[in-house]
Amino acid sequence: ALELLGTPRATQWQAWRVLAAVLRLGNVVVSAAADGGTEVARVDEGESAASLEAAAQLLGVSHTALSSAVTTRCLKAGGEFIQTPQTCAAAAEVRDGLAKALYSRLFDRL
């Protein structure tokens, strides 16, 4: 169908990669871990970590950067940036928001 619309093959391939990454992000499970008495989010081991790794590879970013983007937030205080851990619920919202934004922008581009 994309070929009938005149979409170049390279663009089609990129679209499939983004779509696969969105599906992989849906398999990432974020759970709570204790860190000094406070709840912090972390990506579960096993299949969840493998899904995060695959999504990062499909998007062309490092898995540590993607994991950090989901599980921490960056605040600017004065002239410096401070990273603080997300709660489990906030990290799940970030993961879902990222998937929705990628999906939306994919079809905006096509």
PDB file of N, CA and C in Angstrom:
ATOM      1  N   ALA A   1       0.825  -1.196   0.000  1.00  0.00           N
ATOM      2  CA  ALA A   1       0.000   0.000   0.000  1.00  0.00           C
ATOM      3  C   ALA A   1       0.872   1.265   0.000  1.00  0.00           C
ATOM      4  N   LEU A   2       1.974   1.213   0.735  1.00  0.00           N
ATOM      5  CA  LEU A   2       2.852   2.381   0.774  1.00  0.00           C
ATOM      6  C   LEU A   2       3.527   2.614  -0.572  1.00  0.00           C
ATOM      7  N   GLU A   3       3.790   1.538  -1.294  1.00  0.00           N
ATOM      8  CA  GLU A   3       4.398   1.682  -2.617  1.00  0.00           C
ATOM      9  C   GLU A   3       3.440   2.365  -3.588  1.00  0.00           C
ATOM     10  N   LEU A   4       2.152   2.058  -3.468  1.00  0.00           N
ATOM     11  CA  LEU A   4       1.153   2.704  -4.320  1.00  0.00           C
ATOM     12  C   LEU A   4       1.069   4.204  -4.063  1.00  0.00           C
ATOM     13  N   LEU A   5       1.382   4.608  -2.823  1.00  0.00           N
ATOM     14  CA  LEU A   5       1.378   6.027  -2.472  1.00  0.00           C
ATOM     15  C   LEU A   5       2.671   6.730  -2.861  1.00  0.00           C
ATOM     16  N   GLY A   6       3.626   5.966  -3.379  1.00  0.00           N
ATOM     17  CA  GLY A   6       4.892   6.550  -3.804  1.00  0.00           C
ATOM     18  C   GLY A   6       5.893   6.726  -2.682  1.00  0.00           C
ATOM     19  N   THR A   7       5.713   6.003  -1.593  1.00  0.00           N
ATOM     20  CA  THR A   7       6.629   6.095  -0.463  1.00  0.00           C
ATOM     21  C   THR A   7       7.906   5.330  -0.785  1.00  0.00           C
ATOM     22  N   PRO A   8       9.047   5.981  -0.705  1.00  0.00           N
ATOM     23  CA  PRO A   8      10.311   5.290  -0.999  1.00  0.00           C
ATOM     24  C   PRO A   8      10.534   4.099  -0.065  1.00  0.00           C
ATOM     25  N   ARG A   9      11.240   3.100  -0.566  1.00  0.00           N
ATOM     26  CA  ARG A   9      11.491   1.897   0.221  1.00  0.00           C
ATOM     27  C   ARG A   9      12.237   2.185   1.521  1.00  0.00           C
ATOM     28  N   ALA A  10      13.160   3.119   1.493  1.00  0.00           N
ATOM     29  CA  ALA A  10      13.907   3.458   2.713  1.00  0.00           C
ATOM     30  C   ALA A  10      12.967   4.017   3.780  1.00  0.00           C
ATOM     31  N   THR A  11      12.026   4.828   3.362  1.00  0.00           N
ATOM     32  CA  THR A  11      11.057   5.392   4.300  1.00  0.00           C
ATOM     33  C   THR A  11      10.144   4.294   4.839  1.00  0.00           C
ATOM     34  N   GLN A  12       9.770   3.357   3.992  1.00  0.00           N
ATOM     35  CA  GLN A  12       8.950   2.237   4.439  1.00  0.00           C
ATOM     36  C   GLN A  12       9.692   1.419   5.501  1.00  0.00           C
ATOM     37  N   TRP A  13      10.972   1.167   5.232  1.00  0.00           N
ATOM     38  CA  TRP A  13      11.785   0.396   6.173  1.00  0.00           C
ATOM     39  C   TRP A  13      11.873   1.124   7.516  1.00  0.00           C
ATOM     40  N   GLN A  14      12.077   2.445   7.494  1.00  0.00           N
ATOM     41  CA  GLN A  14      12.137   3.218   8.730  1.00  0.00           C
ATOM     42  C   GLN A  14      10.808   3.158   9.478  1.00  0.00           C
ATOM     43  N   ALA A  15       9.710   3.220   8.748  1.00  0.00           N
ATOM     44  CA  ALA A  15       8.388   3.160   9.376  1.00  0.00           C
ATOM     45  C   ALA A  15       8.186   1.813  10.071  1.00  0.00           C
ATOM     46  N   TRP A  16       8.595   0.730   9.425  1.00  0.00           N
ATOM     47  CA  TRP A  16       8.463  -0.591  10.034  1.00  0.00           C
ATOM     48  C   TRP A  16       9.326  -0.707  11.283  1.00  0.00           C
ATOM     49  N   ARG A  17      10.493  -0.101  11.248  1.00  0.00           N
ATOM     50  CA  ARG A  17      11.380  -0.132  12.428  1.00  0.00           C
ATOM     51  C   ARG A  17      10.753   0.614  13.601  1.00  0.00           C
ATOM     52  N   VAL A  18      10.182   1.775  13.335  1.00  0.00           N
ATOM     53  CA  VAL A  18       9.539   2.552  14.406  1.00  0.00           C
ATOM     54  C   VAL A  18       8.335   1.790  14.951  1.00  0.00           C
ATOM     55  N   LEU A  19       7.544   1.214  14.063  1.00  0.00           N
ATOM     56  CA  LEU A  19       6.383   0.446  14.497  1.00  0.00           C
ATOM     57  C   LEU A  19       6.809  -0.751  15.353  1.00  0.00           C
ATOM     58  N   ALA A  20       7.855  -1.440  14.951  1.00  0.00           N
ATOM     59  CA  ALA A  20       8.362  -2.565  15.743  1.00  0.00           C
ATOM     60  C   ALA A  20       8.865  -2.089  17.103  1.00  0.00           C
ATOM     61  N   ALA A  21       9.502  -0.933  17.141  1.00  0.00           N
ATOM     62  CA  ALA A  21       9.986  -0.382  18.409  1.00  0.00           C
ATOM     63  C   ALA A  21       8.820  -0.046  19.336  1.00  0.00           C
ATOM     64  N   VAL A  22       7.744   0.504  18.785  1.00  0.00           N
ATOM     65  CA  VAL A  22       6.556   0.815  19.594  1.00  0.00           C
ATOM     66  C   VAL A  22       5.989  -0.470  20.198  1.00  0.00           C
ATOM     67  N   LEU A  23       5.912  -1.525  19.395  1.00  0.00           N
ATOM     68  CA  LEU A  23       5.407  -2.800  19.900  1.00  0.00           C
ATOM     69  C   LEU A  23       6.325  -3.367  20.978  1.00  0.00           C
ATOM     70  N   ARG A  24       7.620  -3.231  20.792  1.00  0.00           N
ATOM     71  CA  ARG A  24       8.578  -3.716  21.800  1.00  0.00           C
ATOM     72  C   ARG A  24       8.474  -2.917  23.095  1.00  0.00           C
ATOM     73  N   LEU A  25       8.253  -1.599  22.993  1.00  0.00           N
ATOM     74  CA  LEU A  25       8.094  -0.786  24.196  1.00  0.00           C
ATOM     75  C   LEU A  25       6.891  -1.254  25.015  1.00  0.00           C
ATOM     76  N   GLY A  26       5.865  -1.744  24.337  1.00  0.00           N
ATOM     77  CA  GLY A  26       4.702  -2.257  25.040  1.00  0.00           C
ATOM     78  C   GLY A  26       5.002  -3.490  25.873  1.00  0.00           C
ATOM     79  N   ASN A  27       6.099  -4.169  25.585  1.00  0.00           N
ATOM     80  CA  ASN A  27       6.497  -5.360  26.343  1.00  0.00           C
ATOM     81  C   ASN A  27       7.438  -5.048  27.505  1.00  0.00           C
ATOM     82  N   VAL A  28       7.800  -3.784  27.661  1.00  0.00           N
ATOM     83  CA  VAL A  28       8.712  -3.395  28.740  1.00  0.00           C
ATOM     84  C   VAL A  28       7.907  -3.250  30.036  1.00  0.00           C
ATOM     85  N   VAL A  29       8.281  -4.021  31.039  1.00  0.00           N
ATOM     86  CA  VAL A  29       7.619  -3.979  32.340  1.00  0.00           C
ATOM     87  C   VAL A  29       8.501  -3.196  33.301  1.00  0.00           C
ATOM     88  N   VAL A  30       7.890  -2.210  33.950  1.00  0.00           N
ATOM     89  CA  VAL A  30       8.603  -1.391  34.920  1.00  0.00           C
ATOM     90  C   VAL A  30       8.075  -1.762  36.303  1.00  0.00           C
ATOM     91  N   SER A  31       8.985  -2.029  37.222  1.00  0.00           N
ATOM     92  CA  SER A  31       8.571  -2.382  38.575  1.00  0.00           C
ATOM     93  C   SER A  31       9.295  -1.503  39.583  1.00  0.00           C
ATOM     94  N   ALA A  32       8.803  -1.553  40.795  1.00  0.00           N
ATOM     95  CA  ALA A  32       9.363  -0.720  41.863  1.00  0.00           C
ATOM     96  C   ALA A  32      10.508  -1.448  42.548  1.00  0.00           C
ATOM     97  N   ALA A  33      11.517  -0.693  42.880  1.00  0.00           N
ATOM     98  CA  ALA A  33      12.637  -1.205  43.665  1.00  0.00           C
ATOM     99  C   ALA A  33      12.878  -0.214  44.795  1.00  0.00           C
ATOM    100  N   ALA A  34      13.346  -0.702  45.913  1.00  0.00           N
ATOM    101  CA  ALA A  34      13.610   0.174  47.056  1.00  0.00           C
ATOM    102  C   ALA A  34      15.025   0.728  46.962  1.00  0.00           C
ATOM    103  N   ASP A  35      15.147   2.024  47.191  1.00  0.00           N
ATOM    104  CA  ASP A  35      16.458   2.680  47.183  1.00  0.00           C
ATOM    105  C   ASP A  35      16.494   3.641  48.360  1.00  0.00           C
ATOM    106  N   GLY A  36      17.031   3.162  49.467  1.00  0.00           N
ATOM    107  CA  GLY A  36      17.110   4.018  50.638  1.00  0.00           C
ATOM    108  C   GLY A  36      15.748   4.386  51.205  1.00  0.00           C
ATOM    109  N   GLY A  37      14.791   3.468  51.121  1.00  0.00           N
ATOM    110  CA  GLY A  37      13.474   3.721  51.668  1.00  0.00           C
ATOM    111  C   GLY A  37      12.505   4.398  50.719  1.00  0.00           C
ATOM    112  N   THR A  38      12.959   4.772  49.528  1.00  0.00           N
ATOM    113  CA  THR A  38      12.056   5.380  48.551  1.00  0.00           C
ATOM    114  C   THR A  38      11.858   4.423  47.379  1.00  0.00           C
ATOM    115  N   GLU A  39      10.699   4.549  46.743  1.00  0.00           N
ATOM    116  CA  GLU A  39      10.393   3.708  45.582  1.00  0.00           C
ATOM    117  C   GLU A  39      11.013   4.312  44.335  1.00  0.00           C
ATOM    118  N   VAL A  40      11.767   3.511  43.619  1.00  0.00           N
ATOM    119  CA  VAL A  40      12.324   3.933  42.333  1.00  0.00           C
ATOM    120  C   VAL A  40      11.949   2.906  41.279  1.00  0.00           C
ATOM    121  N   ALA A  41      11.833   3.347  40.049  1.00  0.00           N
ATOM    122  CA  ALA A  41      11.454   2.457  38.960  1.00  0.00           C
ATOM    123  C   ALA A  41      12.688   1.806  38.357  1.00  0.00           C
ATOM    124  N   ARG A  42      12.489   0.580  37.915  1.00  0.00           N
ATOM    125  CA  ARG A  42      13.534  -0.124  37.179  1.00  0.00           C
ATOM    126  C   ARG A  42      12.858  -1.021  36.162  1.00  0.00           C
ATOM    127  N   VAL A  43      13.568  -1.304  35.084  1.00  0.00           N
ATOM    128  CA  VAL A  43      13.071  -2.219  34.059  1.00  0.00           C
ATOM    129  C   VAL A  43      13.331  -3.635  34.534  1.00  0.00           C
ATOM    130  N   ASP A  44      12.292  -4.476  34.480  1.00  0.00           N
ATOM    131  CA  ASP A  44      12.435  -5.878  34.907  1.00  0.00           C
ATOM    132  C   ASP A  44      13.491  -6.592  34.073  1.00  0.00           C
ATOM    133  N   GLU A  45      14.074  -7.601  34.674  1.00  0.00           N
ATOM    134  CA  GLU A  45      15.071  -8.444  33.990  1.00  0.00           C
ATOM    135  C   GLU A  45      14.379  -9.363  32.993  1.00  0.00           C
ATOM    136  N   GLY A  46      15.140 -10.061  32.202  1.00  0.00           N
ATOM    137  CA  GLY A  46      14.609 -11.083  31.308  1.00  0.00           C
ATOM    138  C   GLY A  46      13.985 -10.512  30.044  1.00  0.00           C
ATOM    139  N   GLU A  47      12.758 -10.952  29.742  1.00  0.00           N
ATOM    140  CA  GLU A  47      12.089 -10.554  28.501  1.00  0.00           C
ATOM    141  C   GLU A  47      11.885  -9.046  28.411  1.00  0.00           C
ATOM    142  N   SER A  48      11.608  -8.425  29.544  1.00  0.00           N
ATOM    143  CA  SER A  48      11.388  -6.988  29.551  1.00  0.00           C
ATOM    144  C   SER A  48      12.658  -6.232  29.158  1.00  0.00           C
ATOM    145  N   ALA A  49      13.777  -6.650  29.720  1.00  0.00           N
ATOM    146  CA  ALA A  49      15.054  -6.016  29.383  1.00  0.00           C
ATOM    147  C   ALA A  49      15.418  -6.289  27.919  1.00  0.00           C
ATOM    148  N   ALA A  50      15.093  -7.484  27.436  1.00  0.00           N
ATOM    149  CA  ALA A  50      15.358  -7.814  26.031  1.00  0.00           C
ATOM    150  C   ALA A  50      14.494  -6.960  25.108  1.00  0.00           C
ATOM    151  N   SER A  51      13.247  -6.701  25.502  1.00  0.00           N
ATOM    152  CA  SER A  51      12.366  -5.842  24.704  1.00  0.00           C
ATOM    153  C   SER A  51      12.886  -4.405  24.674  1.00  0.00           C
ATOM    154  N   LEU A  52      13.380  -3.931  25.813  1.00  0.00           N
ATOM    155  CA  LEU A  52      13.955  -2.591  25.859  1.00  0.00           C
ATOM    156  C   LEU A  52      15.182  -2.502  24.963  1.00  0.00           C
ATOM    157  N   GLU A  53      16.028  -3.519  25.016  1.00  0.00           N
ATOM    158  CA  GLU A  53      17.231  -3.570  24.180  1.00  0.00           C
ATOM    159  C   GLU A  53      16.854  -3.566  22.697  1.00  0.00           C
ATOM    160  N   ALA A  54      15.846  -4.351  22.328  1.00  0.00           N
ATOM    161  CA  ALA A  54      15.410  -4.415  20.929  1.00  0.00           C
ATOM    162  C   ALA A  54      14.816  -3.079  20.479  1.00  0.00           C
ATOM    163  N   ALA A  55      14.005  -2.460  21.330  1.00  0.00           N
ATOM    164  CA  ALA A  55      13.418  -1.163  20.989  1.00  0.00           C
ATOM    165  C   ALA A  55      14.506  -0.111  20.795  1.00  0.00           C
ATOM    166  N   ALA A  56      15.489  -0.117  21.674  1.00  0.00           N
ATOM    167  CA  ALA A  56      16.596   0.837  21.560  1.00  0.00           C
ATOM    168  C   ALA A  56      17.360   0.627  20.261  1.00  0.00           C
ATOM    169  N   GLN A  57      17.620  -0.629  19.933  1.00  0.00           N
ATOM    170  CA  GLN A  57      18.347  -0.932  18.700  1.00  0.00           C
ATOM    171  C   GLN A  57      17.545  -0.480  17.479  1.00  0.00           C
ATOM    172  N   LEU A  58      16.254  -0.731  17.476  1.00  0.00           N
ATOM    173  CA  LEU A  58      15.406  -0.322  16.356  1.00  0.00           C
ATOM    174  C   LEU A  58      15.352   1.197  16.200  1.00  0.00           C
ATOM    175  N   LEU A  59      15.411   1.914  17.331  1.00  0.00           N
ATOM    176  CA  LEU A  59      15.359   3.372  17.297  1.00  0.00           C
ATOM    177  C   LEU A  59      16.733   4.007  17.094  1.00  0.00           C
ATOM    178  N   GLY A  60      17.781   3.200  17.183  1.00  0.00           N
ATOM    179  CA  GLY A  60      19.130   3.723  16.969  1.00  0.00           C
ATOM    180  C   GLY A  60      19.684   4.485  18.165  1.00  0.00           C
ATOM    181  N   VAL A  61      19.265   4.089  19.374  1.00  0.00           N
ATOM    182  CA  VAL A  61      19.783   4.703  20.599  1.00  0.00           C
ATOM    183  C   VAL A  61      20.342   3.592  21.488  1.00  0.00           C
ATOM    184  N   SER A  62      21.126   3.964  22.469  1.00  0.00           N
ATOM    185  CA  SER A  62      21.660   2.956  23.377  1.00  0.00           C
ATOM    186  C   SER A  62      20.574   2.516  24.350  1.00  0.00           C
ATOM    187  N   HIS A  63      20.665   1.265  24.788  1.00  0.00           N
ATOM    188  CA  HIS A  63      19.653   0.769  25.720  1.00  0.00           C
ATOM    189  C   HIS A  63      19.751   1.467  27.072  1.00  0.00           C
ATOM    190  N   THR A  64      20.952   1.894  27.458  1.00  0.00           N
ATOM    191  CA  THR A  64      21.082   2.609  28.726  1.00  0.00           C
ATOM    192  C   THR A  64      20.408   3.979  28.652  1.00  0.00           C
ATOM    193  N   ALA A  65      20.512   4.640  27.498  1.00  0.00           N
ATOM    194  CA  ALA A  65      19.858   5.945  27.337  1.00  0.00           C
ATOM    195  C   ALA A  65      18.339   5.794  27.347  1.00  0.00           C
ATOM    196  N   LEU A  66      17.830   4.764  26.681  1.00  0.00           N
ATOM    197  CA  LEU A  66      16.386   4.544  26.657  1.00  0.00           C
ATOM    198  C   LEU A  66      15.878   4.158  28.042  1.00  0.00           C
ATOM    199  N   SER A  67      16.591   3.299  28.716  1.00  0.00           N
ATOM    200  CA  SER A  67      16.213   2.904  30.071  1.00  0.00           C
ATOM    201  C   SER A  67      16.217   4.113  31.006  1.00  0.00           C
ATOM    202  N   SER A  68      17.236   4.939  30.889  1.00  0.00           N
ATOM    203  CA  SER A  68      17.334   6.149  31.712  1.00  0.00           C
ATOM    204  C   SER A  68      16.212   7.124  31.394  1.00  0.00           C
ATOM    205  N   ALA A  69      15.853   7.234  30.127  1.00  0.00           N
ATOM    206  CA  ALA A  69      14.776   8.144  29.734  1.00  0.00           C
ATOM    207  C   ALA A  69      13.444   7.719  30.330  1.00  0.00           C
ATOM    208  N   VAL A  70      13.263   6.419  30.506  1.00  0.00           N
ATOM    209  CA  VAL A  70      12.011   5.910  31.058  1.00  0.00           C
ATOM    210  C   VAL A  70      12.010   5.955  32.587  1.00  0.00           C
ATOM    211  N   THR A  71      13.124   5.626  33.219  1.00  0.00           N
ATOM    212  CA  THR A  71      13.148   5.441  34.672  1.00  0.00           C
ATOM    213  C   THR A  71      13.627   6.647  35.468  1.00  0.00           C
ATOM    214  N   THR A  72      14.139   7.680  34.799  1.00  0.00           N
ATOM    215  CA  THR A  72      14.580   8.880  35.524  1.00  0.00           C
ATOM    216  C   THR A  72      14.006  10.120  34.851  1.00  0.00           C
ATOM    217  N   ARG A  73      13.984  11.197  35.589  1.00  0.00           N
ATOM    218  CA  ARG A  73      13.585  12.473  34.992  1.00  0.00           C
ATOM    219  C   ARG A  73      14.722  13.459  35.206  1.00  0.00           C
ATOM    220  N   CYS A  74      14.832  14.379  34.306  1.00  0.00           N
ATOM    221  CA  CYS A  74      15.917  15.353  34.329  1.00  0.00           C
ATOM    222  C   CYS A  74      15.319  16.724  34.628  1.00  0.00           C
ATOM    223  N   LEU A  75      15.812  17.349  35.680  1.00  0.00           N
ATOM    224  CA  LEU A  75      15.343  18.666  36.074  1.00  0.00           C
ATOM    225  C   LEU A  75      16.470  19.669  35.922  1.00  0.00           C
ATOM    226  N   LYS A  76      16.133  20.866  35.485  1.00  0.00           N
ATOM    227  CA  LYS A  76      17.133  21.916  35.395  1.00  0.00           C
ATOM    228  C   LYS A  76      16.981  22.810  36.615  1.00  0.00           C
ATOM    229  N   ALA A  77      18.039  22.879  37.394  1.00  0.00           N
ATOM    230  CA  ALA A  77      18.055  23.708  38.594  1.00  0.00           C
ATOM    231  C   ALA A  77      19.191  24.709  38.448  1.00  0.00           C
ATOM    232  N   GLY A  78      18.821  25.956  38.219  1.00  0.00           N
ATOM    233  CA  GLY A  78      19.844  26.964  37.952  1.00  0.00           C
ATOM    234  C   GLY A  78      20.497  26.674  36.623  1.00  0.00           C
ATOM    235  N   GLY A  79      21.799  26.468  36.626  1.00  0.00           N
ATOM    236  CA  GLY A  79      22.519  26.197  35.396  1.00  0.00           C
ATOM    237  C   GLY A  79      22.898  24.745  35.226  1.00  0.00           C
ATOM    238  N   GLU A  80      22.436  23.876  36.123  1.00  0.00           N
ATOM    239  CA  GLU A  80      22.808  22.477  36.021  1.00  0.00           C
ATOM    240  C   GLU A  80      21.573  21.576  35.934  1.00  0.00           C
ATOM    241  N   PHE A  81      21.806  20.378  35.436  1.00  0.00           N
ATOM    242  CA  PHE A  81      20.733  19.403  35.299  1.00  0.00           C
ATOM    243  C   PHE A  81      20.883  18.339  36.383  1.00  0.00           C
ATOM    244  N   ILE A  82      19.761  17.972  36.969  1.00  0.00           N
ATOM    245  CA  ILE A  82      19.753  16.971  38.031  1.00  0.00           C
ATOM    246  C   ILE A  82      18.845  15.826  37.600  1.00  0.00           C
ATOM    247  N   GLN A  83      19.355  14.599  37.684  1.00  0.00           N
ATOM    248  CA  GLN A  83      18.539  13.435  37.371  1.00  0.00           C
ATOM    249  C   GLN A  83      18.004  12.844  38.668  1.00  0.00           C
ATOM    250  N   THR A  84      16.683  12.620  38.690  1.00  0.00           N
ATOM    251  CA  THR A  84      16.053  11.998  39.844  1.00  0.00           C
ATOM    252  C   THR A  84      15.282  10.768  39.361  1.00  0.00           C
ATOM    253  N   PRO A  85      15.207   9.739  40.199  1.00  0.00           N
ATOM    254  CA  PRO A  85      14.494   8.531  39.784  1.00  0.00           C
ATOM    255  C   PRO A  85      12.986   8.758  39.726  1.00  0.00           C
ATOM    256  N   GLN A  86      12.340   8.076  38.792  1.00  0.00           N
ATOM    257  CA  GLN A  86      10.884   8.106  38.665  1.00  0.00           C
ATOM    258  C   GLN A  86      10.277   7.058  39.602  1.00  0.00           C
ATOM    259  N   THR A  87       9.024   7.262  39.962  1.00  0.00           N
ATOM    260  CA  THR A  87       8.279   6.198  40.622  1.00  0.00           C
ATOM    261  C   THR A  87       7.874   5.190  39.549  1.00  0.00           C
ATOM    262  N   CYS A  88       7.429   4.043  39.985  1.00  0.00           N
ATOM    263  CA  CYS A  88       7.019   3.000  39.044  1.00  0.00           C
ATOM    264  C   CYS A  88       5.866   3.492  38.167  1.00  0.00           C
ATOM    265  N   ALA A  89       4.880   4.141  38.764  1.00  0.00           N
ATOM    266  CA  ALA A  89       3.727   4.633  38.001  1.00  0.00           C
ATOM    267  C   ALA A  89       4.147   5.702  37.000  1.00  0.00           C
ATOM    268  N   ALA A  90       5.022   6.608  37.404  1.00  0.00           N
ATOM    269  CA  ALA A  90       5.486   7.670  36.503  1.00  0.00           C
ATOM    270  C   ALA A  90       6.293   7.091  35.347  1.00  0.00           C
ATOM    271  N   ALA A  91       7.131   6.086  35.633  1.00  0.00           N
ATOM    272  CA  ALA A  91       7.931   5.461  34.577  1.00  0.00           C
ATOM    273  C   ALA A  91       7.030   4.749  33.566  1.00  0.00           C
ATOM    274  N   ALA A  92       5.967   4.106  34.049  1.00  0.00           N
ATOM    275  CA  ALA A  92       5.028   3.447  33.139  1.00  0.00           C
ATOM    276  C   ALA A  92       4.329   4.482  32.256  1.00  0.00           C
ATOM    277  N   GLU A  93       4.001   5.634  32.825  1.00  0.00           N
ATOM    278  CA  GLU A  93       3.385   6.702  32.029  1.00  0.00           C
ATOM    279  C   GLU A  93       4.348   7.243  30.982  1.00  0.00           C
ATOM    280  N   VAL A  94       5.616   7.378  31.344  1.00  0.00           N
ATOM    281  CA  VAL A  94       6.628   7.846  30.388  1.00  0.00           C
ATOM    282  C   VAL A  94       6.782   6.839  29.254  1.00  0.00           C
ATOM    283  N   ARG A  95       6.871   5.555  29.602  1.00  0.00           N
ATOM    284  CA  ARG A  95       6.977   4.502  28.585  1.00  0.00           C
ATOM    285  C   ARG A  95       5.795   4.546  27.618  1.00  0.00           C
ATOM    286  N   ASP A  96       4.585   4.650  28.172  1.00  0.00           N
ATOM    287  CA  ASP A  96       3.386   4.694  27.332  1.00  0.00           C
ATOM    288  C   ASP A  96       3.320   5.978  26.508  1.00  0.00           C
ATOM    289  N   GLY A  97       3.721   7.080  27.103  1.00  0.00           N
ATOM    290  CA  GLY A  97       3.735   8.355  26.380  1.00  0.00           C
ATOM    291  C   GLY A  97       4.729   8.350  25.232  1.00  0.00           C
ATOM    292  N   LEU A  98       5.888   7.745  25.460  1.00  0.00           N
ATOM    293  CA  LEU A  98       6.886   7.634  24.395  1.00  0.00           C
ATOM    294  C   LEU A  98       6.352   6.783  23.246  1.00  0.00           C
ATOM    295  N   ALA A  99       5.722   5.667  23.569  1.00  0.00           N
ATOM    296  CA  ALA A  99       5.161   4.804  22.526  1.00  0.00           C
ATOM    297  C   ALA A  99       4.079   5.541  21.739  1.00  0.00           C
ATOM    298  N   LYS A 100       3.215   6.264  22.433  1.00  0.00           N
ATOM    299  CA  LYS A 100       2.154   7.017  21.754  1.00  0.00           C
ATOM    300  C   LYS A 100       2.719   8.117  20.869  1.00  0.00           C
ATOM    301  N   ALA A 101       3.743   8.815  21.358  1.00  0.00           N
ATOM    302  CA  ALA A 101       4.350   9.894  20.568  1.00  0.00           C
ATOM    303  C   ALA A 101       5.027   9.347  19.316  1.00  0.00           C
ATOM    304  N   LEU A 102       5.745   8.243  19.457  1.00  0.00           N
ATOM    305  CA  LEU A 102       6.389   7.627  18.289  1.00  0.00           C
ATOM    306  C   LEU A 102       5.357   7.194  17.264  1.00  0.00           C
ATOM    307  N   TYR A 103       4.293   6.565  17.725  1.00  0.00           N
ATOM    308  CA  TYR A 103       3.236   6.081  16.835  1.00  0.00           C
ATOM    309  C   TYR A 103       2.566   7.248  16.116  1.00  0.00           C
ATOM    310  N   SER A 104       2.277   8.298  16.848  1.00  0.00           N
ATOM    311  CA  SER A 104       1.632   9.474  16.277  1.00  0.00           C
ATOM    312  C   SER A 104       2.529  10.148  15.239  1.00  0.00           C
ATOM    313  N   ARG A 105       3.780  10.331  15.586  1.00  0.00           N
ATOM    314  CA  ARG A 105       4.700  10.996  14.664  1.00  0.00           C
ATOM    315  C   ARG A 105       4.988  10.151  13.431  1.00  0.00           C
ATOM    316  N   LEU A 106       4.926   8.840  13.589  1.00  0.00           N
ATOM    317  CA  LEU A 106       5.117   7.953  12.447  1.00  0.00           C
ATOM    318  C   LEU A 106       4.073   8.244  11.391  1.00  0.00           C
ATOM    319  N   PHE A 107       2.812   8.337  11.785  1.00  0.00           N
ATOM    320  CA  PHE A 107       1.758   8.566  10.808  1.00  0.00           C
ATOM    321  C   PHE A 107       1.664  10.021  10.369  1.00  0.00           C
ATOM    322  N   ASP A 108       2.137  10.947  11.190  1.00  0.00           N
ATOM    323  CA  ASP A 108       2.238  12.336  10.753  1.00  0.00           C
ATOM    324  C   ASP A 108       3.226  12.432   9.606  1.00  0.00           C
ATOM    325  N   ARG A 109       4.296  11.663   9.681  1.00  0.00           N
ATOM    326  CA  ARG A 109       5.344  11.695   8.661  1.00  0.00           C
ATOM    327  C   ARG A 109       4.904  11.032   7.355  1.00  0.00           C
ATOM    328  N   LEU A 110       4.132   9.955   7.507  1.00  0.00           N
ATOM    329  CA  LEU A 110       3.678   9.242   6.306  1.00  0.00           C
ATOM    330  C   LEU A 110       2.569  10.032   5.655  1.00  0.00           C
TER     331      LEU A 110
END
